[in-house]
Amino acid sequence: MVLSPSTILPAPRQGPRASMILDSQDLKSLVAGDLELVERAISQVLARRPPRLTGIIDHVSEYRGKRFRPLLALLTARVLGCDLPGRLDLAVAMEMMHTASLVHDDILDNAETRRHIPTVHSRWGCQSAVLLGDYLFSHAFVLAAKVGDSQVTFEVAETARKVCEGELKQNLEAGNWLLPESDYMEIIEGKTAELMAASCRLMGVFARADSQTCSALDTYGRSLGMAFQMADDLLDLEGDEETTGKSLGTDLEQGKVTLPIIHALCNAQPDQKLALLELLKATGAKSRSALRKPLEATGSLAYTRRKAEDFVGNARRALASLPESPYRQALLNAADRALHRAC
């Protein structure tokens, strides 16, 4: 069932800590020690490779981003009071799956750069990049098995399946500019939101939290992921490649429909719709910039921002049942920041 921002959740109570403001660095500082351990673990995992793989694996190590998914996992563990060593393995597993999905995404999007460096497939070819992505996914499964909890292992495998399923659905719908919004929501719930949901939900399962808490954590991460992808849709149309550090406009070039496009085509006048479809057949930065005017005329960029805001509100409400702490506040701030990012 696709998550909807209209899902009614109770408004959170405002306590004495609800007004705390935490910036990006503060979010990480709360779990700085754990993040350092995660970094070491990632390095150790990737260091266990045959010498012939050194070049390609060292290259993908440079894909290091904000470590957002491990951050979510570690903050969730703190909210739940979980300090078991397995929490670090699960945080690393989430990052391995995320990096694997980036390697595969770059192939599908024919992207040339990622985090200011050449993509794996542009250096080693598509076949090696596909295998590298699979290699990283396999590390996630090993780490999950290491935790020694069959439910956790099952959840990690299910997450990988859902992420791949979402990507596959999107790939099969390439060029279908008239994709219904409901289908789009289903796709991004799998390809983006599922991994963020798992980063939070898995900690609940691992910490033996009750089903209500696990459900709340899942809703938080899933709603956050939906908002995150919609913000990414806007970046693909409005962002700056120098700032984002990756190729932009690749969704358009590969015929992958995004929410602003769906809304515009549904709300444009017949002649505007035909003109927009013609623009979508073009490729590159020129068509990306040319789309701004029709998307603004139909209110589609603003619509996408509002939908993302709805999901952020849902994410915040989902945490209402969790005890107040700096860690819960950090998760609330992480949801807010999903809307206001340049990369």
Protein backbone atom coordinates (compact mmCIF):
# COMPACT_ATOMS: atom_id res chain seq x y z
CA MET A 1 0.00 0.00 0.00
CA VAL A 2 1.44 3.36 -1.01
CA LEU A 3 1.92 5.81 1.84
CA SER A 4 -0.19 8.94 1.50
CA PRO A 5 0.45 12.33 3.08
CA SER A 6 -3.25 12.47 3.88
CA THR A 7 -2.83 9.67 6.40
CA ILE A 8 -4.16 11.10 9.66
CA LEU A 9 -1.66 11.04 12.48
CA PRO A 10 -2.06 12.83 15.82
CA ALA A 11 -0.28 16.16 16.19
CA PRO A 12 2.77 15.96 18.46
CA ARG A 13 2.65 17.50 21.90
CA GLN A 14 4.92 20.46 22.36
CA GLY A 15 7.30 19.83 25.25
CA PRO A 16 10.13 21.90 26.69
CA ARG A 17 12.64 20.52 24.18
CA ALA A 18 10.47 20.87 21.10
CA SER A 19 11.92 24.27 20.23
CA MET A 20 15.53 23.07 20.06
CA ILE A 21 17.16 23.91 16.73
CA LEU A 22 19.87 21.60 15.43
CA ASP A 23 21.83 22.29 12.26
CA SER A 24 23.44 19.67 10.02
CA GLN A 25 26.63 19.48 12.05
CA ASP A 26 24.68 19.19 15.29
CA LEU A 27 22.79 16.20 13.90
CA LYS A 28 26.06 14.35 13.39
CA SER A 29 27.68 15.58 16.60
CA LEU A 30 25.01 13.79 18.64
CA VAL A 31 26.30 10.43 17.38
CA ALA A 32 29.82 11.45 16.32
CA GLY A 33 31.47 8.52 18.07
CA ASP A 34 29.17 5.99 16.43
CA LEU A 35 29.61 7.60 13.02
CA GLU A 36 33.37 7.31 13.38
CA LEU A 37 32.98 3.61 14.18
CA VAL A 38 30.74 3.23 11.12
CA GLU A 39 33.38 4.90 8.93
CA ARG A 40 36.03 2.51 10.20
CA ALA A 41 33.73 -0.45 9.63
CA ILE A 42 33.00 0.64 6.06
CA SER A 43 36.73 0.95 5.39
CA GLN A 44 37.35 -2.49 6.86
CA VAL A 45 34.58 -4.08 4.82
CA LEU A 46 35.82 -2.57 1.56
CA ALA A 47 39.45 -3.41 2.41
CA ARG A 48 38.63 -7.13 2.31
CA ARG A 49 39.00 -7.57 -1.45
CA PRO A 50 41.36 -9.26 -3.91
CA PRO A 51 44.14 -6.95 -5.15
CA ARG A 52 42.64 -6.85 -8.65
CA LEU A 53 39.56 -5.04 -7.29
CA THR A 54 41.54 -2.34 -5.48
CA GLY A 55 41.14 0.38 -8.13
CA ILE A 56 37.39 0.13 -8.64
CA ILE A 57 36.61 -0.27 -4.92
CA ASP A 58 38.86 2.62 -3.91
CA HIS A 59 37.02 4.69 -6.50
CA VAL A 60 33.56 3.87 -5.17
CA SER A 61 34.86 4.71 -1.69
CA GLU A 62 35.09 8.30 -2.95
CA TYR A 63 31.29 8.27 -3.37
CA ARG A 64 31.13 9.05 0.32
CA GLY A 65 28.31 11.50 0.91
CA LYS A 66 26.53 12.76 4.00
CA ARG A 67 26.04 9.23 5.42
CA PHE A 68 22.41 10.20 5.89
CA ARG A 69 21.01 6.68 6.17
CA PRO A 70 23.52 5.51 8.80
CA LEU A 71 22.83 8.78 10.63
CA LEU A 72 19.10 7.98 10.69
CA ALA A 73 19.83 4.47 11.94
CA LEU A 74 22.18 5.65 14.71
CA LEU A 75 19.84 8.43 15.89
CA THR A 76 16.98 5.93 15.99
CA ALA A 77 19.09 3.54 18.06
CA ARG A 78 19.74 6.36 20.55
CA VAL A 79 16.04 7.25 20.69
CA LEU A 80 15.36 3.62 21.61
CA GLY A 81 18.23 3.42 24.10
CA CYS A 82 19.90 0.68 22.06
CA ASP A 83 23.68 0.45 22.41
CA LEU A 84 24.19 -3.13 21.21
CA PRO A 85 27.15 -3.59 18.82
CA GLY A 86 24.85 -4.88 16.07
CA ARG A 87 23.45 -1.37 15.58
CA LEU A 88 26.73 -0.43 13.86
CA ASP A 89 26.54 -3.42 11.49
CA LEU A 90 23.02 -2.40 10.50
CA ALA A 91 24.06 1.21 9.93
CA VAL A 92 26.91 0.02 7.69
CA ALA A 93 24.54 -2.34 5.85
CA MET A 94 22.22 0.58 5.04
CA GLU A 95 25.13 2.58 3.59
CA MET A 96 26.31 -0.41 1.54
CA MET A 97 22.85 -0.78 0.04
CA HIS A 98 22.63 2.92 -0.65
CA THR A 99 26.03 3.00 -2.39
CA ALA A 100 25.09 -0.07 -4.42
CA SER A 101 21.91 1.65 -5.57
CA LEU A 102 23.90 4.76 -6.59
CA VAL A 103 26.25 2.68 -8.74
CA HIS A 104 23.28 1.04 -10.47
CA ASP A 105 21.36 4.34 -10.75
CA ASP A 106 24.27 5.99 -12.54
CA ILE A 107 24.24 3.26 -15.16
CA LEU A 108 20.49 3.57 -15.70
CA ASP A 109 20.74 7.37 -15.89
CA ASN A 110 23.91 7.33 -18.01
CA ALA A 111 25.30 9.87 -15.52
CA GLU A 112 28.90 10.98 -15.97
CA THR A 113 29.65 12.33 -12.50
CA ARG A 114 28.76 11.51 -8.93
CA ARG A 115 30.01 13.58 -5.98
CA HIS A 116 32.32 15.53 -8.30
CA ILE A 117 34.12 12.43 -9.63
CA PRO A 118 33.52 10.19 -12.67
CA THR A 119 30.89 7.52 -12.18
CA VAL A 120 32.03 3.90 -11.94
CA HIS A 121 30.55 2.84 -15.27
CA SER A 122 32.15 5.79 -17.08
CA ARG A 123 35.56 4.50 -15.95
CA TRP A 124 35.19 0.72 -15.87
CA GLY A 125 32.17 0.09 -18.08
CA CYS A 126 28.61 -0.98 -17.36
CA GLN A 127 29.32 -4.66 -16.81
CA SER A 128 31.87 -4.02 -14.07
CA ALA A 129 29.62 -1.37 -12.49
CA VAL A 130 26.65 -3.76 -12.35
CA LEU A 131 28.79 -6.40 -10.68
CA LEU A 132 30.22 -3.88 -8.23
CA GLY A 133 26.71 -2.85 -7.21
CA ASP A 134 25.83 -6.51 -6.65
CA TYR A 135 29.06 -6.93 -4.66
CA LEU A 136 28.06 -4.07 -2.34
CA PHE A 137 24.54 -5.45 -1.90
CA SER A 138 26.05 -8.80 -0.88
CA HIS A 139 28.07 -7.08 1.85
CA ALA A 140 24.84 -5.70 3.28
CA PHE A 141 23.40 -9.22 3.50
CA VAL A 142 26.54 -10.51 5.24
CA LEU A 143 26.39 -7.69 7.79
CA ALA A 144 22.71 -8.39 8.47
CA ALA A 145 23.42 -12.09 9.00
CA LYS A 146 26.25 -11.16 11.38
CA VAL A 147 23.70 -9.53 13.71
CA GLY A 148 22.23 -12.98 14.35
CA ASP A 149 18.55 -12.04 14.18
CA SER A 150 16.52 -13.84 11.52
CA GLN A 151 13.88 -11.08 11.40
CA VAL A 152 16.56 -8.44 10.80
CA THR A 153 18.11 -10.57 8.04
CA PHE A 154 14.69 -10.98 6.44
CA GLU A 155 13.99 -7.23 6.64
CA VAL A 156 17.31 -6.34 4.98
CA ALA A 157 16.66 -8.81 2.15
CA GLU A 158 13.11 -7.46 1.72
CA THR A 159 14.45 -3.91 1.59
CA ALA A 160 16.86 -4.84 -1.21
CA ARG A 161 14.03 -6.50 -3.12
CA LYS A 162 11.75 -3.47 -2.78
CA VAL A 163 14.49 -1.02 -3.82
CA CYS A 164 15.25 -3.08 -6.93
CA GLU A 165 11.54 -3.48 -7.65
CA GLY A 166 11.04 0.29 -7.51
CA GLU A 167 13.98 0.87 -9.85
CA LEU A 168 12.70 -1.79 -12.23
CA LYS A 169 9.22 -0.25 -12.32
CA GLN A 170 10.71 3.16 -13.06
CA ASN A 171 12.88 1.75 -15.83
CA LEU A 172 9.93 -0.02 -17.47
CA GLU A 173 7.93 3.23 -17.40
CA ALA A 174 10.71 5.24 -19.07
CA GLY A 175 9.22 7.50 -21.73
CA ASN A 176 5.71 7.23 -20.32
CA TRP A 177 5.20 10.96 -19.70
CA LEU A 178 1.52 10.36 -18.88
CA LEU A 179 2.31 8.15 -15.90
CA PRO A 180 -0.39 8.60 -13.20
CA GLU A 181 0.71 10.29 -10.00
CA SER A 182 -0.31 7.22 -7.99
CA ASP A 183 2.11 5.06 -10.00
CA TYR A 184 4.86 7.63 -9.50
CA MET A 185 4.28 7.52 -5.73
CA GLU A 186 4.51 3.74 -5.77
CA ILE A 187 7.79 3.87 -7.68
CA ILE A 188 9.53 6.37 -5.42
CA GLU A 189 8.28 4.62 -2.30
CA GLY A 190 10.29 1.61 -3.44
CA LYS A 191 13.37 3.18 -5.00
CA THR A 192 13.99 5.90 -2.39
CA ALA A 193 11.67 5.83 0.61
CA GLU A 194 12.04 2.13 1.43
CA LEU A 195 15.73 2.40 2.32
CA MET A 196 15.15 5.37 4.63
CA ALA A 197 12.21 3.57 6.23
CA ALA A 198 14.38 0.50 6.75
CA SER A 199 17.18 2.57 8.31
CA CYS A 200 14.74 3.49 11.10
CA ARG A 201 12.45 0.44 11.24
CA LEU A 202 15.33 -2.06 11.44
CA MET A 203 16.61 -0.45 14.61
CA GLY A 204 13.17 -0.88 16.12
CA VAL A 205 13.16 -4.57 15.19
CA PHE A 206 16.72 -5.04 16.44
CA ALA A 207 16.01 -3.23 19.72
CA ARG A 208 12.89 -5.38 20.30
CA ALA A 209 10.62 -2.33 20.25
CA ASP A 210 6.87 -2.96 20.18
CA SER A 211 4.99 -3.10 16.88
CA GLN A 212 3.51 0.38 17.33
CA THR A 213 6.96 1.92 17.72
CA CYS A 214 8.34 0.00 14.73
CA SER A 215 5.37 1.17 12.66
CA ALA A 216 5.94 4.78 13.72
CA LEU A 217 9.61 4.57 12.80
CA ASP A 218 8.71 3.07 9.42
CA THR A 219 6.20 5.86 8.74
CA TYR A 220 8.75 8.49 9.72
CA GLY A 221 11.47 7.13 7.44
CA ARG A 222 9.10 6.40 4.58
CA SER A 223 7.55 9.88 4.68
CA LEU A 224 11.00 11.43 4.91
CA GLY A 225 12.10 9.41 1.89
CA MET A 226 9.09 10.51 -0.16
CA ALA A 227 9.84 14.17 0.62
CA PHE A 228 13.52 13.60 -0.10
CA GLN A 229 12.79 12.23 -3.58
CA MET A 230 10.44 15.10 -4.43
CA ALA A 231 13.14 17.55 -3.40
CA ASP A 232 15.48 15.58 -5.67
CA ASP A 233 12.98 15.95 -8.53
CA LEU A 234 13.15 19.72 -8.08
CA LEU A 235 16.96 19.65 -7.92
CA ASP A 236 17.08 17.74 -11.21
CA LEU A 237 15.20 20.63 -12.82
CA GLU A 238 16.49 23.63 -10.88
CA GLY A 239 19.78 22.58 -9.31
CA ASP A 240 23.37 23.48 -10.16
CA GLU A 241 25.73 20.65 -11.12
CA GLU A 242 28.69 22.33 -9.45
CA THR A 243 26.80 22.48 -6.16
CA THR A 244 25.18 19.04 -6.31
CA GLY A 245 28.33 17.32 -7.57
CA LYS A 246 26.40 15.06 -9.93
CA SER A 247 24.92 15.07 -13.42
CA LEU A 248 21.52 16.80 -13.54
CA GLY A 249 18.74 16.48 -16.07
CA THR A 250 19.42 12.74 -16.38
CA ASP A 251 15.83 11.89 -15.42
CA LEU A 252 14.62 13.82 -18.46
CA GLU A 253 17.23 12.34 -20.76
CA GLN A 254 16.28 8.81 -19.72
CA GLY A 255 12.54 9.49 -20.00
CA LYS A 256 11.97 9.14 -16.25
CA VAL A 257 8.90 11.12 -15.31
CA THR A 258 8.96 13.18 -12.12
CA LEU A 259 6.21 14.79 -10.09
CA PRO A 260 6.51 18.32 -11.57
CA ILE A 261 6.15 16.86 -15.07
CA ILE A 262 3.17 14.70 -14.09
CA HIS A 263 1.37 17.66 -12.54
CA ALA A 264 2.11 19.97 -15.46
CA LEU A 265 0.82 17.52 -18.06
CA CYS A 266 -2.35 16.95 -16.03
CA ASN A 267 -3.07 20.65 -15.64
CA ALA A 268 -1.83 22.23 -18.88
CA GLN A 269 -4.18 23.39 -21.61
CA PRO A 270 -4.24 21.14 -24.72
CA ASP A 271 -1.87 23.36 -26.71
CA GLN A 272 0.43 23.78 -23.70
CA LYS A 273 0.43 20.02 -23.18
CA LEU A 274 1.52 19.38 -26.77
CA ALA A 275 4.30 21.96 -26.48
CA LEU A 276 5.47 20.44 -23.20
CA LEU A 277 5.56 16.95 -24.69
CA GLU A 278 7.71 18.28 -27.52
CA LEU A 279 10.09 19.81 -25.01
CA LEU A 280 10.32 16.52 -23.16
CA LYS A 281 11.49 14.79 -26.33
CA ALA A 282 14.54 17.05 -26.35
CA THR A 283 17.52 16.28 -24.12
CA GLY A 284 20.22 18.10 -22.21
CA ALA A 285 20.55 21.27 -20.16
CA LYS A 286 18.81 23.40 -22.80
CA SER A 287 15.53 21.52 -22.49
CA ARG A 288 15.93 21.43 -18.70
CA SER A 289 16.03 25.22 -18.51
CA ALA A 290 13.26 25.56 -21.11
CA LEU A 291 10.93 23.52 -18.93
CA ARG A 292 11.01 26.06 -16.11
CA LYS A 293 8.49 28.41 -17.71
CA PRO A 294 5.70 25.87 -18.42
CA LEU A 295 6.25 24.21 -15.03
CA GLU A 296 5.93 27.54 -13.27
CA ALA A 297 2.87 28.46 -15.38
CA THR A 298 1.03 25.33 -14.22
CA GLY A 299 2.19 25.75 -10.63
CA SER A 300 3.88 22.36 -10.84
CA LEU A 301 7.08 23.29 -9.03
CA ALA A 302 5.07 24.81 -6.17
CA TYR A 303 2.77 21.76 -6.15
CA THR A 304 5.74 19.44 -5.76
CA ARG A 305 7.06 21.50 -2.85
CA ARG A 306 3.67 21.37 -1.14
CA LYS A 307 3.45 17.61 -1.52
CA ALA A 308 6.94 17.28 -0.06
CA GLU A 309 5.91 19.51 2.84
CA ASP A 310 2.90 17.26 3.46
CA PHE A 311 5.16 14.24 3.75
CA VAL A 312 7.54 16.10 6.08
CA GLY A 313 4.54 16.90 8.29
CA ASN A 314 3.60 13.23 8.28
CA ALA A 315 7.15 12.27 9.24
CA ARG A 316 7.12 14.69 12.15
CA ARG A 317 3.74 13.48 13.43
CA ALA A 318 4.92 9.87 13.31
CA LEU A 319 7.49 10.59 16.02
CA ALA A 320 4.92 11.99 18.46
CA SER A 321 4.69 8.74 20.42
CA LEU A 322 8.44 8.52 21.03
CA PRO A 323 9.98 9.99 24.20
CA GLU A 324 11.37 13.50 23.93
CA SER A 325 15.15 13.69 23.68
CA PRO A 326 17.82 15.49 21.66
CA TYR A 327 17.87 12.41 19.39
CA ARG A 328 14.16 12.60 18.59
CA GLN A 329 14.58 16.32 17.97
CA ALA A 330 17.44 15.53 15.60
CA LEU A 331 15.13 13.23 13.61
CA LEU A 332 12.54 16.01 13.46
CA ASN A 333 15.18 18.41 12.18
CA ALA A 334 16.35 15.86 9.62
CA ALA A 335 12.82 15.79 8.21
CA ASP A 336 12.73 19.58 7.93
CA ARG A 337 16.11 19.69 6.22
CA ALA A 338 14.97 17.25 3.52
CA LEU A 339 13.10 20.17 1.92
CA HIS A 340 15.97 22.63 2.10
CA ARG A 341 18.99 21.11 0.45
CA ALA A 342 21.13 22.01 -2.52
CA CYS A 343 22.71 18.58 -3.04
